[in-house]
């Protein structure tokens, strides 16, 4: 397996983005923990899938920011459903990514992924697939999903070997007892 190697600038940008997101959700440990876990799973799945460095970089940035629309959705509507996150997240992410000096093409793709991180239809790229898988893995634990919901998610979302492996390891007791 080849390991993606980032430029010093990309490494710094991911560090700065992580810091900006922890500032954005300061005082909300559940939201910080959520994006940290989604990022960790997305990175590991991306490495296992041998994504090139640029695609892995995009994926990591999207994983860190995928739920950035929640705060605005709650402020405007008092709720934060997935479709609201998809609609309100990209403008928030664009502001943050622009302020951190991300390239326009990177920002565009990250915003696309945020705008589709609850959309299961039409998945046509591995970065999108991996973000869906990583978010589902974290959500199934945080939300205490029942075995039937997990199985449905497995069938509808999971395609990568590492995503499936993580799903199996996380659910062995729940689904196999």
N, C-alpha and C. Protein backbone atom coordinates (compact mmCIF):
# COMPACT_ATOMS: atom_id res chain seq x y z
N UNK A 1 0.85 -1.18 0.00
CA UNK A 1 0.00 0.00 0.00
C UNK A 1 0.89 1.24 0.00
N UNK A 2 0.60 2.15 -0.91
CA UNK A 2 1.35 3.40 -0.92
C UNK A 2 0.64 4.41 -0.02
N UNK A 3 1.41 5.20 0.67
CA UNK A 3 0.86 6.20 1.59
C UNK A 3 0.91 7.56 0.90
N UNK A 4 -0.23 8.25 0.92
CA UNK A 4 -0.30 9.59 0.34
C UNK A 4 0.57 10.53 1.17
N UNK A 5 1.33 11.37 0.48
CA UNK A 5 2.20 12.33 1.15
C UNK A 5 1.74 13.73 0.77
N UNK A 6 1.48 14.53 1.79
CA UNK A 6 1.03 15.90 1.57
C UNK A 6 2.20 16.86 1.49
N UNK A 7 1.96 17.96 0.80
CA UNK A 7 2.93 19.06 0.82
C UNK A 7 2.87 19.71 2.20
N UNK A 8 3.89 20.48 2.51
CA UNK A 8 3.89 21.21 3.79
C UNK A 8 2.69 22.14 3.88
N UNK A 9 2.32 22.75 2.75
CA UNK A 9 1.17 23.66 2.74
C UNK A 9 -0.12 22.91 3.03
N UNK A 10 -0.32 21.74 2.41
CA UNK A 10 -1.52 20.95 2.66
C UNK A 10 -1.60 20.50 4.12
N UNK A 11 -0.47 20.06 4.65
CA UNK A 11 -0.43 19.64 6.06
C UNK A 11 -0.83 20.79 6.96
N UNK A 12 -0.27 21.97 6.70
CA UNK A 12 -0.60 23.15 7.51
C UNK A 12 -2.07 23.52 7.35
N UNK A 13 -2.59 23.45 6.13
CA UNK A 13 -4.00 23.80 5.92
C UNK A 13 -4.93 22.86 6.66
N UNK A 14 -4.64 21.57 6.68
CA UNK A 14 -5.48 20.64 7.43
C UNK A 14 -5.40 20.92 8.93
N UNK A 15 -4.21 21.22 9.41
CA UNK A 15 -4.05 21.58 10.82
C UNK A 15 -4.86 22.83 11.14
N UNK A 16 -4.74 23.85 10.30
CA UNK A 16 -5.47 25.10 10.51
C UNK A 16 -6.98 24.89 10.42
N UNK A 17 -7.41 24.02 9.51
CA UNK A 17 -8.84 23.74 9.38
C UNK A 17 -9.36 23.00 10.61
N UNK A 18 -8.60 22.05 11.10
CA UNK A 18 -8.98 21.35 12.33
C UNK A 18 -9.13 22.36 13.47
N UNK A 19 -8.17 23.25 13.60
CA UNK A 19 -8.22 24.27 14.66
C UNK A 19 -9.41 25.19 14.48
N UNK A 20 -9.67 25.60 13.24
CA UNK A 20 -10.81 26.49 12.96
C UNK A 20 -12.13 25.81 13.29
N UNK A 21 -12.23 24.52 12.99
CA UNK A 21 -13.47 23.80 13.30
C UNK A 21 -13.66 23.61 14.80
N UNK A 22 -12.57 23.40 15.54
CA UNK A 22 -12.72 23.30 17.00
C UNK A 22 -13.12 24.66 17.56
N UNK A 23 -12.62 25.74 16.99
CA UNK A 23 -13.06 27.08 17.41
C UNK A 23 -14.53 27.29 17.05
N UNK A 24 -14.92 26.87 15.87
CA UNK A 24 -16.30 27.03 15.39
C UNK A 24 -17.29 26.35 16.33
N UNK A 25 -16.92 25.18 16.83
CA UNK A 25 -17.79 24.41 17.72
C UNK A 25 -17.32 24.45 19.17
N UNK A 26 -16.59 25.49 19.54
CA UNK A 26 -16.12 25.63 20.93
C UNK A 26 -17.30 25.52 21.88
N UNK A 27 -17.13 24.75 22.94
CA UNK A 27 -18.18 24.56 23.93
C UNK A 27 -19.18 23.48 23.55
N UNK A 28 -18.98 22.82 22.43
CA UNK A 28 -19.89 21.76 21.98
C UNK A 28 -19.07 20.48 21.72
N UNK A 29 -18.69 19.80 22.81
CA UNK A 29 -17.80 18.64 22.66
C UNK A 29 -18.39 17.53 21.80
N UNK A 30 -19.69 17.36 21.80
CA UNK A 30 -20.29 16.29 20.97
C UNK A 30 -20.05 16.56 19.49
N UNK A 31 -20.20 17.80 19.06
CA UNK A 31 -19.99 18.12 17.64
C UNK A 31 -18.51 18.01 17.27
N UNK A 32 -17.64 18.46 18.17
CA UNK A 32 -16.20 18.33 17.91
C UNK A 32 -15.83 16.86 17.82
N UNK A 33 -16.27 16.06 18.79
CA UNK A 33 -15.97 14.63 18.75
C UNK A 33 -16.50 13.99 17.48
N UNK A 34 -17.66 14.41 17.03
CA UNK A 34 -18.25 13.82 15.82
C UNK A 34 -17.35 14.05 14.61
N UNK A 35 -16.96 15.30 14.36
CA UNK A 35 -16.17 15.53 13.15
C UNK A 35 -14.78 14.93 13.27
N UNK A 36 -14.23 14.85 14.48
CA UNK A 36 -12.93 14.20 14.66
C UNK A 36 -13.02 12.72 14.31
N UNK A 37 -14.08 12.06 14.75
CA UNK A 37 -14.25 10.63 14.44
C UNK A 37 -14.52 10.40 12.96
N UNK A 38 -15.37 11.22 12.36
CA UNK A 38 -15.63 11.08 10.92
C UNK A 38 -14.33 11.28 10.15
N UNK A 39 -13.55 12.27 10.54
CA UNK A 39 -12.26 12.51 9.88
C UNK A 39 -11.34 11.30 10.01
N UNK A 40 -11.26 10.73 11.20
CA UNK A 40 -10.37 9.58 11.41
C UNK A 40 -10.78 8.40 10.54
N UNK A 41 -12.06 8.08 10.52
CA UNK A 41 -12.52 6.97 9.68
C UNK A 41 -12.32 7.28 8.20
N UNK A 42 -12.65 8.49 7.78
CA UNK A 42 -12.49 8.85 6.37
C UNK A 42 -11.03 8.72 5.95
N UNK A 43 -10.13 9.21 6.78
CA UNK A 43 -8.70 9.12 6.44
C UNK A 43 -8.26 7.67 6.32
N UNK A 44 -8.64 6.83 7.27
CA UNK A 44 -8.22 5.43 7.23
C UNK A 44 -8.80 4.70 6.03
N UNK A 45 -10.08 4.95 5.74
CA UNK A 45 -10.68 4.32 4.56
C UNK A 45 -9.99 4.83 3.30
N UNK A 46 -9.74 6.12 3.23
CA UNK A 46 -9.05 6.71 2.08
C UNK A 46 -7.67 6.12 1.87
N UNK A 47 -6.94 5.93 2.96
CA UNK A 47 -5.61 5.31 2.85
C UNK A 47 -5.73 3.87 2.37
N UNK A 48 -6.69 3.13 2.91
CA UNK A 48 -6.88 1.74 2.50
C UNK A 48 -7.27 1.64 1.03
N UNK A 49 -8.00 2.62 0.55
CA UNK A 49 -8.41 2.65 -0.86
C UNK A 49 -7.31 3.22 -1.76
N UNK A 50 -6.19 3.60 -1.16
CA UNK A 50 -5.04 4.14 -1.87
C UNK A 50 -5.39 5.37 -2.71
N UNK A 51 -6.16 6.27 -2.08
CA UNK A 51 -6.44 7.54 -2.75
C UNK A 51 -5.13 8.29 -2.98
N UNK A 52 -5.06 9.02 -4.08
CA UNK A 52 -3.89 9.86 -4.29
C UNK A 52 -3.93 11.00 -3.28
N UNK A 53 -2.80 11.66 -3.09
CA UNK A 53 -2.67 12.67 -2.03
C UNK A 53 -3.69 13.80 -2.19
N UNK A 54 -3.93 14.24 -3.41
CA UNK A 54 -4.86 15.36 -3.60
C UNK A 54 -6.29 14.97 -3.26
N UNK A 55 -6.70 13.77 -3.63
CA UNK A 55 -8.06 13.31 -3.31
C UNK A 55 -8.21 13.07 -1.81
N UNK A 56 -7.19 12.51 -1.19
CA UNK A 56 -7.24 12.30 0.26
C UNK A 56 -7.31 13.64 0.99
N UNK A 57 -6.57 14.61 0.51
CA UNK A 57 -6.61 15.96 1.09
C UNK A 57 -8.02 16.53 1.02
N UNK A 58 -8.65 16.44 -0.14
CA UNK A 58 -10.04 16.90 -0.30
C UNK A 58 -10.97 16.17 0.67
N UNK A 59 -10.81 14.86 0.74
CA UNK A 59 -11.65 14.05 1.63
C UNK A 59 -11.48 14.46 3.08
N UNK A 60 -10.24 14.66 3.50
CA UNK A 60 -10.01 15.05 4.89
C UNK A 60 -10.62 16.41 5.20
N UNK A 61 -10.47 17.35 4.28
CA UNK A 61 -11.06 18.68 4.49
C UNK A 61 -12.59 18.58 4.56
N UNK A 62 -13.18 17.75 3.71
CA UNK A 62 -14.63 17.57 3.73
C UNK A 62 -15.08 16.88 5.01
N UNK A 63 -14.32 15.90 5.47
CA UNK A 63 -14.69 15.19 6.70
C UNK A 63 -14.66 16.14 7.90
N UNK A 64 -13.69 17.02 7.94
CA UNK A 64 -13.61 17.98 9.04
C UNK A 64 -14.77 18.97 9.03
N UNK A 65 -15.26 19.32 7.85
CA UNK A 65 -16.27 20.38 7.73
C UNK A 65 -17.66 19.88 7.36
N UNK A 66 -17.85 18.58 7.24
CA UNK A 66 -19.10 18.08 6.66
C UNK A 66 -20.36 18.56 7.38
N UNK A 67 -20.30 18.80 8.67
CA UNK A 67 -21.48 19.23 9.43
C UNK A 67 -21.47 20.72 9.76
N UNK A 68 -20.71 21.50 9.04
CA UNK A 68 -20.58 22.93 9.34
C UNK A 68 -21.90 23.68 9.20
N UNK A 69 -22.86 23.13 8.50
CA UNK A 69 -24.16 23.78 8.33
C UNK A 69 -25.10 23.63 9.51
N UNK A 70 -24.75 22.79 10.47
CA UNK A 70 -25.65 22.53 11.61
C UNK A 70 -25.95 23.79 12.39
N UNK A 71 -24.94 24.53 12.74
CA UNK A 71 -25.14 25.72 13.57
C UNK A 71 -26.08 26.72 12.90
N UNK A 72 -25.87 26.96 11.62
CA UNK A 72 -26.72 27.89 10.89
C UNK A 72 -28.15 27.35 10.77
N UNK A 73 -28.29 26.05 10.55
CA UNK A 73 -29.63 25.44 10.47
C UNK A 73 -30.37 25.59 11.79
N UNK A 74 -29.68 25.36 12.88
CA UNK A 74 -30.32 25.52 14.19
C UNK A 74 -30.68 26.98 14.46
N UNK A 75 -29.81 27.89 14.06
CA UNK A 75 -30.08 29.31 14.28
C UNK A 75 -31.31 29.76 13.47
N UNK A 76 -31.38 29.35 12.23
CA UNK A 76 -32.46 29.80 11.35
C UNK A 76 -33.77 29.04 11.53
N UNK A 77 -33.66 27.72 11.78
CA UNK A 77 -34.85 26.87 11.75
C UNK A 77 -35.11 26.10 13.03
N UNK A 78 -34.18 26.17 13.99
CA UNK A 78 -34.36 25.43 15.23
C UNK A 78 -34.21 23.93 15.07
N UNK A 79 -33.66 23.50 13.96
CA UNK A 79 -33.42 22.08 13.71
C UNK A 79 -32.23 21.95 12.75
N UNK A 80 -31.73 20.73 12.62
CA UNK A 80 -30.52 20.57 11.79
C UNK A 80 -30.56 19.30 10.95
N UNK A 81 -31.70 19.03 10.33
CA UNK A 81 -31.82 17.85 9.47
C UNK A 81 -30.78 17.83 8.37
N UNK A 82 -30.56 16.64 7.83
CA UNK A 82 -29.52 16.44 6.83
C UNK A 82 -29.64 17.34 5.62
N UNK A 83 -30.84 17.54 5.11
CA UNK A 83 -31.01 18.38 3.92
C UNK A 83 -30.71 19.84 4.23
N UNK A 84 -31.04 20.31 5.44
CA UNK A 84 -30.67 21.67 5.83
C UNK A 84 -29.15 21.80 5.92
N UNK A 85 -28.49 20.79 6.47
CA UNK A 85 -27.03 20.81 6.55
C UNK A 85 -26.43 20.90 5.15
N UNK A 86 -26.98 20.12 4.23
CA UNK A 86 -26.46 20.12 2.87
C UNK A 86 -26.64 21.49 2.20
N UNK A 87 -27.73 22.16 2.50
CA UNK A 87 -28.01 23.46 1.87
C UNK A 87 -27.21 24.59 2.51
N UNK A 88 -27.12 24.57 3.85
CA UNK A 88 -26.52 25.69 4.57
C UNK A 88 -25.02 25.52 4.83
N UNK A 89 -24.52 24.31 4.69
CA UNK A 89 -23.11 24.07 4.98
C UNK A 89 -22.13 24.66 3.99
N UNK A 90 -22.36 24.52 2.67
CA UNK A 90 -21.37 25.02 1.72
C UNK A 90 -21.00 26.49 1.86
N UNK A 91 -21.95 27.41 2.05
CA UNK A 91 -21.52 28.81 2.22
C UNK A 91 -20.65 29.03 3.45
N UNK A 92 -20.97 28.33 4.54
CA UNK A 92 -20.16 28.44 5.75
C UNK A 92 -18.76 27.88 5.50
N UNK A 93 -18.71 26.72 4.85
CA UNK A 93 -17.41 26.10 4.55
C UNK A 93 -16.59 26.97 3.61
N UNK A 94 -17.24 27.55 2.62
CA UNK A 94 -16.50 28.39 1.67
C UNK A 94 -15.84 29.55 2.38
N UNK A 95 -16.56 30.19 3.29
CA UNK A 95 -15.96 31.30 4.05
C UNK A 95 -14.73 30.83 4.81
N UNK A 96 -14.86 29.69 5.49
CA UNK A 96 -13.75 29.19 6.30
C UNK A 96 -12.57 28.78 5.42
N UNK A 97 -12.84 28.02 4.38
CA UNK A 97 -11.76 27.54 3.51
C UNK A 97 -11.07 28.69 2.80
N UNK A 98 -11.84 29.67 2.34
CA UNK A 98 -11.23 30.85 1.71
C UNK A 98 -10.33 31.59 2.69
N UNK A 99 -10.79 31.73 3.92
CA UNK A 99 -9.99 32.45 4.92
C UNK A 99 -8.69 31.73 5.25
N UNK A 100 -8.67 30.42 5.02
CA UNK A 100 -7.47 29.62 5.31
C UNK A 100 -6.61 29.40 4.07
N UNK A 101 -6.99 30.00 2.95
CA UNK A 101 -6.15 29.94 1.75
C UNK A 101 -6.26 28.67 0.94
N UNK A 102 -7.35 27.93 1.07
CA UNK A 102 -7.54 26.73 0.25
C UNK A 102 -7.74 27.15 -1.20
N UNK A 103 -7.23 26.36 -2.12
CA UNK A 103 -7.37 26.64 -3.55
C UNK A 103 -8.84 26.57 -3.94
N UNK A 104 -9.25 27.39 -4.91
CA UNK A 104 -10.66 27.40 -5.32
C UNK A 104 -11.20 26.03 -5.74
N UNK A 105 -10.40 25.22 -6.45
CA UNK A 105 -10.88 23.91 -6.87
C UNK A 105 -11.08 22.98 -5.68
N UNK A 106 -10.25 23.10 -4.67
CA UNK A 106 -10.41 22.31 -3.45
C UNK A 106 -11.69 22.74 -2.73
N UNK A 107 -11.85 24.03 -2.57
CA UNK A 107 -13.05 24.56 -1.91
C UNK A 107 -14.31 24.12 -2.64
N UNK A 108 -14.28 24.18 -3.95
CA UNK A 108 -15.45 23.78 -4.74
C UNK A 108 -15.82 22.32 -4.48
N UNK A 109 -14.83 21.43 -4.48
CA UNK A 109 -15.12 20.01 -4.27
C UNK A 109 -15.56 19.74 -2.84
N UNK A 110 -14.91 20.37 -1.87
CA UNK A 110 -15.31 20.19 -0.47
C UNK A 110 -16.75 20.65 -0.30
N UNK A 111 -17.10 21.78 -0.88
CA UNK A 111 -18.48 22.28 -0.77
C UNK A 111 -19.46 21.33 -1.44
N UNK A 112 -19.07 20.73 -2.57
CA UNK A 112 -19.92 19.73 -3.21
C UNK A 112 -20.15 18.55 -2.26
N UNK A 113 -19.09 18.07 -1.65
CA UNK A 113 -19.23 16.92 -0.74
C UNK A 113 -20.11 17.26 0.45
N UNK A 114 -19.96 18.45 1.00
CA UNK A 114 -20.82 18.88 2.11
C UNK A 114 -22.27 18.93 1.64
N UNK A 115 -22.49 19.43 0.43
CA UNK A 115 -23.84 19.56 -0.12
C UNK A 115 -24.48 18.21 -0.46
N UNK A 116 -23.70 17.14 -0.35
CA UNK A 116 -24.20 15.80 -0.70
C UNK A 116 -23.88 14.75 0.36
N UNK A 117 -23.51 15.16 1.56
CA UNK A 117 -23.07 14.15 2.54
C UNK A 117 -24.21 13.38 3.19
N UNK A 118 -25.45 13.69 2.82
CA UNK A 118 -26.61 12.88 3.22
C UNK A 118 -27.36 12.37 1.99
N UNK A 119 -26.76 12.49 0.82
CA UNK A 119 -27.38 12.08 -0.43
C UNK A 119 -26.77 10.76 -0.89
N UNK A 120 -27.61 9.73 -0.99
CA UNK A 120 -27.12 8.40 -1.35
C UNK A 120 -27.24 8.11 -2.84
N UNK A 121 -28.04 8.89 -3.54
CA UNK A 121 -28.24 8.65 -4.97
C UNK A 121 -27.17 9.36 -5.80
N UNK A 122 -26.71 8.68 -6.83
CA UNK A 122 -25.80 9.30 -7.78
C UNK A 122 -24.35 9.35 -7.34
N UNK A 123 -23.99 8.62 -6.30
CA UNK A 123 -22.60 8.64 -5.83
C UNK A 123 -21.71 8.13 -6.96
N UNK A 124 -20.81 9.01 -7.41
CA UNK A 124 -20.01 8.68 -8.58
C UNK A 124 -18.51 8.86 -8.36
N UNK A 125 -18.12 9.04 -7.11
CA UNK A 125 -16.69 9.23 -6.83
C UNK A 125 -16.36 8.65 -5.46
N UNK A 126 -15.14 8.20 -5.34
CA UNK A 126 -14.72 7.53 -4.11
C UNK A 126 -14.67 8.46 -2.91
N UNK A 127 -14.30 9.73 -3.11
CA UNK A 127 -14.27 10.64 -1.96
C UNK A 127 -15.67 10.81 -1.37
N UNK A 128 -16.67 10.90 -2.22
CA UNK A 128 -18.07 11.01 -1.78
C UNK A 128 -18.49 9.74 -1.06
N UNK A 129 -18.20 8.58 -1.64
CA UNK A 129 -18.56 7.29 -1.04
C UNK A 129 -17.93 7.16 0.35
N UNK A 130 -16.66 7.49 0.45
CA UNK A 130 -15.95 7.33 1.73
C UNK A 130 -16.51 8.27 2.78
N UNK A 131 -16.84 9.50 2.42
CA UNK A 131 -17.43 10.42 3.39
C UNK A 131 -18.76 9.87 3.90
N UNK A 132 -19.59 9.33 3.02
CA UNK A 132 -20.86 8.72 3.44
C UNK A 132 -20.61 7.57 4.42
N UNK A 133 -19.65 6.71 4.08
CA UNK A 133 -19.35 5.57 4.94
C UNK A 133 -18.86 6.02 6.31
N UNK A 134 -17.91 6.94 6.34
CA UNK A 134 -17.34 7.39 7.61
C UNK A 134 -18.40 8.05 8.49
N UNK A 135 -19.24 8.89 7.90
CA UNK A 135 -20.29 9.56 8.66
C UNK A 135 -21.29 8.55 9.20
N UNK A 136 -21.64 7.55 8.40
CA UNK A 136 -22.57 6.52 8.86
C UNK A 136 -21.97 5.73 10.02
N UNK A 137 -20.71 5.35 9.92
CA UNK A 137 -20.07 4.60 11.01
C UNK A 137 -20.18 5.35 12.33
N UNK A 138 -19.92 6.63 12.29
CA UNK A 138 -19.98 7.43 13.52
C UNK A 138 -21.43 7.61 13.96
N UNK A 139 -22.31 7.92 13.03
CA UNK A 139 -23.72 8.14 13.40
C UNK A 139 -24.36 6.88 13.97
N UNK A 140 -24.02 5.71 13.44
CA UNK A 140 -24.67 4.49 13.95
C UNK A 140 -24.33 4.25 15.41
N UNK A 141 -23.13 4.61 15.82
CA UNK A 141 -22.73 4.46 17.22
C UNK A 141 -23.34 5.58 18.06
N UNK A 142 -23.18 6.82 17.61
CA UNK A 142 -23.69 7.96 18.39
C UNK A 142 -25.20 7.91 18.56
N UNK A 143 -25.90 7.42 17.55
CA UNK A 143 -27.37 7.37 17.61
C UNK A 143 -27.90 6.05 18.14
N UNK A 144 -27.01 5.11 18.42
CA UNK A 144 -27.45 3.81 18.93
C UNK A 144 -28.39 3.09 17.98
N UNK A 145 -28.04 3.07 16.70
CA UNK A 145 -28.91 2.44 15.70
C UNK A 145 -29.15 0.98 16.01
N UNK A 146 -30.34 0.54 15.70
CA UNK A 146 -30.69 -0.88 15.84
C UNK A 146 -30.10 -1.67 14.67
N UNK A 147 -30.01 -2.98 14.85
CA UNK A 147 -29.38 -3.86 13.87
C UNK A 147 -30.01 -3.73 12.49
N UNK A 148 -31.34 -3.57 12.43
CA UNK A 148 -32.02 -3.48 11.13
C UNK A 148 -31.59 -2.21 10.38
N UNK A 149 -31.49 -1.10 11.09
CA UNK A 149 -31.07 0.16 10.46
C UNK A 149 -29.62 0.08 10.01
N UNK A 150 -28.80 -0.57 10.81
CA UNK A 150 -27.39 -0.75 10.44
C UNK A 150 -27.28 -1.59 9.18
N UNK A 151 -28.04 -2.68 9.12
CA UNK A 151 -28.01 -3.55 7.94
C UNK A 151 -28.48 -2.80 6.69
N UNK A 152 -29.51 -2.01 6.84
CA UNK A 152 -30.01 -1.20 5.71
C UNK A 152 -28.92 -0.23 5.24
N UNK A 153 -28.27 0.45 6.18
CA UNK A 153 -27.18 1.36 5.84
C UNK A 153 -26.03 0.64 5.17
N UNK A 154 -25.72 -0.54 5.67
CA UNK A 154 -24.64 -1.33 5.08
C UNK A 154 -24.93 -1.61 3.61
N UNK A 155 -26.16 -2.02 3.32
CA UNK A 155 -26.52 -2.37 1.95
C UNK A 155 -26.57 -1.14 1.03
N UNK A 156 -27.05 -0.01 1.55
CA UNK A 156 -27.23 1.17 0.71
C UNK A 156 -25.97 2.00 0.53
N UNK A 157 -25.08 1.98 1.52
CA UNK A 157 -23.97 2.93 1.54
C UNK A 157 -22.62 2.29 1.26
N UNK A 158 -22.34 1.15 1.87
CA UNK A 158 -20.97 0.65 1.94
C UNK A 158 -20.54 -0.13 0.70
N UNK A 159 -19.38 0.27 0.17
CA UNK A 159 -18.79 -0.39 -0.99
C UNK A 159 -17.29 -0.65 -0.79
N UNK A 160 -16.61 0.13 0.04
CA UNK A 160 -15.16 -0.05 0.20
C UNK A 160 -14.87 -1.22 1.14
N UNK A 161 -13.76 -1.88 0.90
CA UNK A 161 -13.37 -3.01 1.76
C UNK A 161 -13.15 -2.56 3.20
N UNK A 162 -12.44 -1.44 3.38
CA UNK A 162 -12.17 -0.98 4.74
C UNK A 162 -13.44 -0.49 5.42
N UNK A 163 -14.31 0.20 4.70
CA UNK A 163 -15.57 0.62 5.28
C UNK A 163 -16.39 -0.57 5.75
N UNK A 164 -16.46 -1.60 4.92
CA UNK A 164 -17.18 -2.82 5.30
C UNK A 164 -16.51 -3.51 6.48
N UNK A 165 -15.20 -3.54 6.48
CA UNK A 165 -14.46 -4.16 7.59
C UNK A 165 -14.74 -3.42 8.90
N UNK A 166 -14.69 -2.09 8.86
CA UNK A 166 -14.98 -1.31 10.06
C UNK A 166 -16.41 -1.54 10.52
N UNK A 167 -17.35 -1.56 9.58
CA UNK A 167 -18.75 -1.83 9.91
C UNK A 167 -18.87 -3.17 10.63
N UNK A 168 -18.22 -4.19 10.11
CA UNK A 168 -18.28 -5.52 10.72
C UNK A 168 -17.67 -5.51 12.12
N UNK A 169 -16.53 -4.87 12.28
CA UNK A 169 -15.87 -4.85 13.59
C UNK A 169 -16.68 -4.07 14.62
N UNK A 170 -17.30 -2.99 14.19
CA UNK A 170 -18.08 -2.17 15.11
C UNK A 170 -19.41 -2.80 15.50
N UNK A 171 -19.89 -3.74 14.68
CA UNK A 171 -21.23 -4.29 14.92
C UNK A 171 -21.24 -5.78 15.22
N UNK A 172 -20.09 -6.39 15.40
CA UNK A 172 -20.06 -7.85 15.60
C UNK A 172 -21.04 -8.31 16.66
N UNK A 173 -20.99 -7.69 17.83
CA UNK A 173 -21.87 -8.11 18.92
C UNK A 173 -23.32 -7.80 18.62
N UNK A 174 -23.59 -6.58 18.16
CA UNK A 174 -24.96 -6.11 17.95
C UNK A 174 -25.68 -6.93 16.87
N UNK A 175 -25.00 -7.21 15.78
CA UNK A 175 -25.65 -7.87 14.65
C UNK A 175 -25.46 -9.38 14.64
N UNK A 176 -24.55 -9.88 15.41
CA UNK A 176 -24.25 -11.32 15.37
C UNK A 176 -24.57 -12.04 16.67
N UNK A 177 -25.34 -11.43 17.54
CA UNK A 177 -25.65 -12.12 18.80
C UNK A 177 -27.04 -12.66 18.80
